[in-house]
Amino acid sequence: MAKSISKRAGEALSQQALDALNNFDLWPTLRVGTMGERRHSLLRHEQRIERVMDSIHLVRTQGVYTLRSAG
């Protein structure tokens, strides 16, 4: 029983994390600076997100984040 509750809690947290990623908008952080600085800042954000995605097994398809299937 505890395992089932724990699994459901984990799934709920995973869904919250996915929802947060899918609603995350980088553009408000990029309003200042030159176009080159903004591009560089966006690239850093994207690289950081890619590292996090790899560590928690997320994939992004057509702009939507989902958990990578096991197998």
PDB file of N, CA and C in Angstrom:
ATOM      1  N   MET A   1       0.830  -1.197   0.000  1.00  0.00           N
ATOM      2  CA  MET A   1       0.000   0.000   0.000  1.00  0.00           C
ATOM      3  C   MET A   1       0.869   1.253   0.000  1.00  0.00           C
ATOM      4  N   ALA A   2       1.869   1.287   0.888  1.00  0.00           N
ATOM      5  CA  ALA A   2       2.737   2.468   0.950  1.00  0.00           C
ATOM      6  C   ALA A   2       3.479   2.672  -0.366  1.00  0.00           C
ATOM      7  N   LYS A   3       3.868   1.578  -0.996  1.00  0.00           N
ATOM      8  CA  LYS A   3       4.568   1.655  -2.278  1.00  0.00           C
ATOM      9  C   LYS A   3       3.677   2.286  -3.333  1.00  0.00           C
ATOM     10  N   SER A   4       2.405   1.905  -3.341  1.00  0.00           N
ATOM     11  CA  SER A   4       1.450   2.440  -4.306  1.00  0.00           C
ATOM     12  C   SER A   4       1.249   3.941  -4.093  1.00  0.00           C
ATOM     13  N   ILE A   5       1.114   4.351  -2.849  1.00  0.00           N
ATOM     14  CA  ILE A   5       0.949   5.770  -2.531  1.00  0.00           C
ATOM     15  C   ILE A   5       2.210   6.534  -2.938  1.00  0.00           C
ATOM     16  N   SER A   6       3.364   5.968  -2.638  1.00  0.00           N
ATOM     17  CA  SER A   6       4.630   6.588  -2.985  1.00  0.00           C
ATOM     18  C   SER A   6       4.761   6.743  -4.502  1.00  0.00           C
ATOM     19  N   LYS A   7       4.374   5.711  -5.240  1.00  0.00           N
ATOM     20  CA  LYS A   7       4.450   5.755  -6.707  1.00  0.00           C
ATOM     21  C   LYS A   7       3.526   6.841  -7.249  1.00  0.00           C
ATOM     22  N   ARG A   8       2.317   6.927  -6.719  1.00  0.00           N
ATOM     23  CA  ARG A   8       1.371   7.953  -7.180  1.00  0.00           C
ATOM     24  C   ARG A   8       1.889   9.350  -6.861  1.00  0.00           C
ATOM     25  N   ALA A   9       2.496   9.511  -5.673  1.00  0.00           N
ATOM     26  CA  ALA A   9       3.051  10.814  -5.307  1.00  0.00           C
ATOM     27  C   ALA A   9       4.186  11.188  -6.264  1.00  0.00           C
ATOM     28  N   GLY A  10       5.022  10.208  -6.604  1.00  0.00           N
ATOM     29  CA  GLY A  10       6.105  10.448  -7.550  1.00  0.00           C
ATOM     30  C   GLY A  10       5.584  10.834  -8.918  1.00  0.00           C
ATOM     31  N   GLU A  11       4.519  10.153  -9.359  1.00  0.00           N
ATOM     32  CA  GLU A  11       3.920  10.467 -10.656  1.00  0.00           C
ATOM     33  C   GLU A  11       3.319  11.868 -10.646  1.00  0.00           C
ATOM     34  N   ALA A  12       2.696  12.243  -9.530  1.00  0.00           N
ATOM     35  CA  ALA A  12       2.113  13.582  -9.426  1.00  0.00           C
ATOM     36  C   ALA A  12       3.204  14.646  -9.482  1.00  0.00           C
ATOM     37  N   LEU A  13       4.322  14.407  -8.787  1.00  0.00           N
ATOM     38  CA  LEU A  13       5.435  15.352  -8.824  1.00  0.00           C
ATOM     39  C   LEU A  13       6.031  15.434 -10.220  1.00  0.00           C
ATOM     40  N   SER A  14       6.154  14.291 -10.893  1.00  0.00           N
ATOM     41  CA  SER A  14       6.668  14.283 -12.252  1.00  0.00           C
ATOM     42  C   SER A  14       5.761  15.097 -13.161  1.00  0.00           C
ATOM     43  N   GLN A  15       4.453  14.946 -12.993  1.00  0.00           N
ATOM     44  CA  GLN A  15       3.513  15.699 -13.828  1.00  0.00           C
ATOM     45  C   GLN A  15       3.619  17.190 -13.539  1.00  0.00           C
ATOM     46  N   GLN A  16       3.792  17.558 -12.265  1.00  0.00           N
ATOM     47  CA  GLN A  16       3.962  18.972 -11.921  1.00  0.00           C
ATOM     48  C   GLN A  16       5.223  19.532 -12.552  1.00  0.00           C
ATOM     49  N   ALA A  17       6.292  18.740 -12.542  1.00  0.00           N
ATOM     50  CA  ALA A  17       7.548  19.181 -13.149  1.00  0.00           C
ATOM     51  C   ALA A  17       7.375  19.351 -14.657  1.00  0.00           C
ATOM     52  N   LEU A  18       6.688  18.407 -15.300  1.00  0.00           N
ATOM     53  CA  LEU A  18       6.444  18.508 -16.738  1.00  0.00           C
ATOM     54  C   LEU A  18       5.593  19.737 -17.052  1.00  0.00           C
ATOM     55  N   ASP A  19       4.556  19.961 -16.256  1.00  0.00           N
ATOM     56  CA  ASP A  19       3.704  21.130 -16.470  1.00  0.00           C
ATOM     57  C   ASP A  19       4.505  22.420 -16.334  1.00  0.00           C
ATOM     58  N   ALA A  20       5.379  22.464 -15.321  1.00  0.00           N
ATOM     59  CA  ALA A  20       6.199  23.656 -15.115  1.00  0.00           C
ATOM     60  C   ALA A  20       7.130  23.888 -16.306  1.00  0.00           C
ATOM     61  N   LEU A  21       7.761  22.836 -16.815  1.00  0.00           N
ATOM     62  CA  LEU A  21       8.646  22.969 -17.973  1.00  0.00           C
ATOM     63  C   LEU A  21       7.873  23.407 -19.207  1.00  0.00           C
ATOM     64  N   ASN A  22       6.707  22.840 -19.407  1.00  0.00           N
ATOM     65  CA  ASN A  22       5.932  23.156 -20.602  1.00  0.00           C
ATOM     66  C   ASN A  22       5.371  24.565 -20.574  1.00  0.00           C
ATOM     67  N   ASN A  23       5.251  25.149 -19.379  1.00  0.00           N
ATOM     68  CA  ASN A  23       4.744  26.519 -19.269  1.00  0.00           C
ATOM     69  C   ASN A  23       5.852  27.533 -19.035  1.00  0.00           C
ATOM     70  N   PHE A  24       7.111  27.069 -19.036  1.00  0.00           N
ATOM     71  CA  PHE A  24       8.253  27.921 -18.758  1.00  0.00           C
ATOM     72  C   PHE A  24       8.574  28.786 -19.964  1.00  0.00           C
ATOM     73  N   ASP A  25       8.731  30.083 -19.742  1.00  0.00           N
ATOM     74  CA  ASP A  25       9.008  31.003 -20.832  1.00  0.00           C
ATOM     75  C   ASP A  25      10.326  31.720 -20.568  1.00  0.00           C
ATOM     76  N   LEU A  26      11.286  31.540 -21.459  1.00  0.00           N
ATOM     77  CA  LEU A  26      12.598  32.172 -21.294  1.00  0.00           C
ATOM     78  C   LEU A  26      12.603  33.644 -21.693  1.00  0.00           C
ATOM     79  N   TRP A  27      11.698  34.049 -22.544  1.00  0.00           N
ATOM     80  CA  TRP A  27      11.797  35.388 -23.125  1.00  0.00           C
ATOM     81  C   TRP A  27      11.778  36.533 -22.113  1.00  0.00           C
ATOM     82  N   PRO A  28      11.013  36.482 -21.020  1.00  0.00           N
ATOM     83  CA  PRO A  28      11.068  37.605 -20.076  1.00  0.00           C
ATOM     84  C   PRO A  28      12.475  37.856 -19.528  1.00  0.00           C
ATOM     85  N   THR A  29      13.309  36.825 -19.471  1.00  0.00           N
ATOM     86  CA  THR A  29      14.665  37.006 -18.943  1.00  0.00           C
ATOM     87  C   THR A  29      15.603  37.585 -19.987  1.00  0.00           C
ATOM     88  N   LEU A  30      15.130  37.726 -21.227  1.00  0.00           N
ATOM     89  CA  LEU A  30      16.010  38.127 -22.317  1.00  0.00           C
ATOM     90  C   LEU A  30      15.647  39.497 -22.895  1.00  0.00           C
ATOM     91  N   ARG A  31      15.010  40.347 -22.125  1.00  0.00           N
ATOM     92  CA  ARG A  31      14.555  41.638 -22.647  1.00  0.00           C
ATOM     93  C   ARG A  31      15.640  42.694 -22.702  1.00  0.00           C
ATOM     94  N   VAL A  32      16.723  42.493 -21.983  1.00  0.00           N
ATOM     95  CA  VAL A  32      17.777  43.505 -21.957  1.00  0.00           C
ATOM     96  C   VAL A  32      18.994  43.026 -22.719  1.00  0.00           C
ATOM     97  N   GLY A  33      19.803  43.956 -23.171  1.00  0.00           N
ATOM     98  CA  GLY A  33      21.034  43.600 -23.862  1.00  0.00           C
ATOM     99  C   GLY A  33      20.870  43.631 -25.376  1.00  0.00           C
ATOM    100  N   THR A  34      21.987  43.478 -26.046  1.00  0.00           N
ATOM    101  CA  THR A  34      21.986  43.468 -27.500  1.00  0.00           C
ATOM    102  C   THR A  34      21.439  42.147 -28.012  1.00  0.00           C
ATOM    103  N   MET A  35      21.146  42.077 -29.277  1.00  0.00           N
ATOM    104  CA  MET A  35      20.633  40.829 -29.859  1.00  0.00           C
ATOM    105  C   MET A  35      21.637  39.688 -29.662  1.00  0.00           C
ATOM    106  N   GLY A  36      22.927  39.962 -29.830  1.00  0.00           N
ATOM    107  CA  GLY A  36      23.944  38.935 -29.615  1.00  0.00           C
ATOM    108  C   GLY A  36      23.976  38.453 -28.178  1.00  0.00           C
ATOM    109  N   GLU A  37      23.854  39.390 -27.225  1.00  0.00           N
ATOM    110  CA  GLU A  37      23.827  38.997 -25.810  1.00  0.00           C
ATOM    111  C   GLU A  37      22.593  38.155 -25.511  1.00  0.00           C
ATOM    112  N   ARG A  38      21.466  38.537 -26.089  1.00  0.00           N
ATOM    113  CA  ARG A  38      20.229  37.760 -25.875  1.00  0.00           C
ATOM    114  C   ARG A  38      20.370  36.364 -26.451  1.00  0.00           C
ATOM    115  N   ARG A  39      20.936  36.259 -27.646  1.00  0.00           N
ATOM    116  CA  ARG A  39      21.122  34.959 -28.283  1.00  0.00           C
ATOM    117  C   ARG A  39      22.031  34.076 -27.423  1.00  0.00           C
ATOM    118  N   HIS A  40      23.116  34.679 -26.908  1.00  0.00           N
ATOM    119  CA  HIS A  40      24.050  33.931 -26.064  1.00  0.00           C
ATOM    120  C   HIS A  40      23.360  33.478 -24.777  1.00  0.00           C
ATOM    121  N   SER A  41      22.564  34.362 -24.177  1.00  0.00           N
ATOM    122  CA  SER A  41      21.850  34.034 -22.946  1.00  0.00           C
ATOM    123  C   SER A  41      20.842  32.917 -23.196  1.00  0.00           C
ATOM    124  N   LEU A  42      20.132  32.989 -24.312  1.00  0.00           N
ATOM    125  CA  LEU A  42      19.161  31.952 -24.651  1.00  0.00           C
ATOM    126  C   LEU A  42      19.865  30.613 -24.852  1.00  0.00           C
ATOM    127  N   LEU A  43      21.000  30.630 -25.521  1.00  0.00           N
ATOM    128  CA  LEU A  43      21.767  29.405 -25.744  1.00  0.00           C
ATOM    129  C   LEU A  43      22.190  28.779 -24.414  1.00  0.00           C
ATOM    130  N   ARG A  44      22.651  29.608 -23.472  1.00  0.00           N
ATOM    131  CA  ARG A  44      23.040  29.091 -22.148  1.00  0.00           C
ATOM    132  C   ARG A  44      21.843  28.450 -21.453  1.00  0.00           C
ATOM    133  N   HIS A  45      20.674  29.115 -21.510  1.00  0.00           N
ATOM    134  CA  HIS A  45      19.462  28.555 -20.905  1.00  0.00           C
ATOM    135  C   HIS A  45      19.112  27.219 -21.552  1.00  0.00           C
ATOM    136  N   GLU A  46      19.175  27.168 -22.873  1.00  0.00           N
ATOM    137  CA  GLU A  46      18.828  25.929 -23.570  1.00  0.00           C
ATOM    138  C   GLU A  46      19.789  24.804 -23.207  1.00  0.00           C
ATOM    139  N   GLN A  47      21.079  25.121 -23.100  1.00  0.00           N
ATOM    140  CA  GLN A  47      22.053  24.094 -22.726  1.00  0.00           C
ATOM    141  C   GLN A  47      21.798  23.586 -21.313  1.00  0.00           C
ATOM    142  N   ARG A  48      21.455  24.490 -20.413  1.00  0.00           N
ATOM    143  CA  ARG A  48      21.159  24.110 -19.030  1.00  0.00           C
ATOM    144  C   ARG A  48      19.930  23.199 -18.994  1.00  0.00           C
ATOM    145  N   ILE A  49      18.906  23.548 -19.740  1.00  0.00           N
ATOM    146  CA  ILE A  49      17.687  22.736 -19.787  1.00  0.00           C
ATOM    147  C   ILE A  49      17.988  21.364 -20.364  1.00  0.00           C
ATOM    148  N   GLU A  50      18.819  21.311 -21.421  1.00  0.00           N
ATOM    149  CA  GLU A  50      19.184  20.020 -22.012  1.00  0.00           C
ATOM    150  C   GLU A  50      19.888  19.124 -20.994  1.00  0.00           C
ATOM    151  N   ARG A  51      20.800  19.695 -20.194  1.00  0.00           N
ATOM    152  CA  ARG A  51      21.505  18.892 -19.183  1.00  0.00           C
ATOM    153  C   ARG A  51      20.523  18.348 -18.147  1.00  0.00           C
ATOM    154  N   VAL A  52      19.580  19.183 -17.717  1.00  0.00           N
ATOM    155  CA  VAL A  52      18.586  18.739 -16.736  1.00  0.00           C
ATOM    156  C   VAL A  52      17.708  17.655 -17.347  1.00  0.00           C
ATOM    157  N   MET A  53      17.292  17.861 -18.591  1.00  0.00           N
ATOM    158  CA  MET A  53      16.451  16.870 -19.254  1.00  0.00           C
ATOM    159  C   MET A  53      17.149  15.525 -19.333  1.00  0.00           C
ATOM    160  N   ASP A  54      18.421  15.530 -19.681  1.00  0.00           N
ATOM    161  CA  ASP A  54      19.172  14.274 -19.755  1.00  0.00           C
ATOM    162  C   ASP A  54      19.251  13.591 -18.398  1.00  0.00           C
ATOM    163  N   SER A  55      19.423  14.373 -17.348  1.00  0.00           N
ATOM    164  CA  SER A  55      19.588  13.780 -16.022  1.00  0.00           C
ATOM    165  C   SER A  55      18.283  13.205 -15.472  1.00  0.00           C
ATOM    166  N   ILE A  56      17.147  13.726 -15.912  1.00  0.00           N
ATOM    167  CA  ILE A  56      15.873  13.200 -15.395  1.00  0.00           C
ATOM    168  C   ILE A  56      15.038  12.533 -16.490  1.00  0.00           C
ATOM    169  N   HIS A  57      15.696  12.193 -17.607  1.00  0.00           N
ATOM    170  CA  HIS A  57      15.067  11.406 -18.669  1.00  0.00           C
ATOM    171  C   HIS A  57      13.840  12.074 -19.275  1.00  0.00           C
ATOM    172  N   LEU A  58      13.980  13.345 -19.660  1.00  0.00           N
ATOM    173  CA  LEU A  58      12.904  14.050 -20.356  1.00  0.00           C
ATOM    174  C   LEU A  58      13.263  14.181 -21.823  1.00  0.00           C
ATOM    175  N   VAL A  59      12.253  14.214 -22.650  1.00  0.00           N
ATOM    176  CA  VAL A  59      12.456  14.502 -24.066  1.00  0.00           C
ATOM    177  C   VAL A  59      11.504  15.628 -24.450  1.00  0.00           C
ATOM    178  N   ARG A  60      11.908  16.390 -25.465  1.00  0.00           N
ATOM    179  CA  ARG A  60      11.066  17.479 -25.940  1.00  0.00           C
ATOM    180  C   ARG A  60      10.698  17.179 -27.387  1.00  0.00           C
ATOM    181  N   THR A  61       9.403  17.084 -27.643  1.00  0.00           N
ATOM    182  CA  THR A  61       8.906  16.807 -28.976  1.00  0.00           C
ATOM    183  C   THR A  61       7.917  17.898 -29.355  1.00  0.00           C
ATOM    184  N   GLN A  62       8.206  18.596 -30.425  1.00  0.00           N
ATOM    185  CA  GLN A  62       7.354  19.683 -30.899  1.00  0.00           C
ATOM    186  C   GLN A  62       7.022  20.670 -29.782  1.00  0.00           C
ATOM    187  N   GLY A  63       8.033  21.005 -28.984  1.00  0.00           N
ATOM    188  CA  GLY A  63       7.871  22.005 -27.941  1.00  0.00           C
ATOM    189  C   GLY A  63       7.193  21.529 -26.669  1.00  0.00           C
ATOM    190  N   VAL A  64       6.907  20.226 -26.562  1.00  0.00           N
ATOM    191  CA  VAL A  64       6.246  19.690 -25.367  1.00  0.00           C
ATOM    192  C   VAL A  64       7.182  18.690 -24.703  1.00  0.00           C
ATOM    193  N   TYR A  65       7.367  18.843 -23.382  1.00  0.00           N
ATOM    194  CA  TYR A  65       8.228  17.940 -22.623  1.00  0.00           C
ATOM    195  C   TYR A  65       7.428  16.736 -22.146  1.00  0.00           C
ATOM    196  N   THR A  66       8.025  15.548 -22.278  1.00  0.00           N
ATOM    197  CA  THR A  66       7.419  14.320 -21.760  1.00  0.00           C
ATOM    198  C   THR A  66       8.524  13.460 -21.154  1.00  0.00           C
ATOM    199  N   LEU A  67       8.134  12.509 -20.314  1.00  0.00           N
ATOM    200  CA  LEU A  67       9.101  11.577 -19.753  1.00  0.00           C
ATOM    201  C   LEU A  67       9.519  10.589 -20.833  1.00  0.00           C
ATOM    202  N   ARG A  68      10.810  10.302 -20.889  1.00  0.00           N
ATOM    203  CA  ARG A  68      11.327   9.322 -21.848  1.00  0.00           C
ATOM    204  C   ARG A  68      10.823   7.942 -21.451  1.00  0.00           C
ATOM    205  N   SER A  69      10.329   7.200 -22.428  1.00  0.00           N
ATOM    206  CA  SER A  69       9.816   5.861 -22.118  1.00  0.00           C
ATOM    207  C   SER A  69      10.967   4.933 -21.760  1.00  0.00           C
ATOM    208  N   ALA A  70      10.716   4.072 -20.820  1.00  0.00           N
ATOM    209  CA  ALA A  70      11.747   3.114 -20.394  1.00  0.00           C
ATOM    210  C   ALA A  70      11.802   1.977 -21.405  1.00  0.00           C
ATOM    211  N   GLY A  71      12.962   1.823 -22.024  1.00  0.00           N
ATOM    212  CA  GLY A  71      13.093   0.699 -22.934  1.00  0.00           C
ATOM    213  C   GLY A  71      13.377   1.060 -24.332  1.00  0.00           C
TER     214      GLY A  71
END
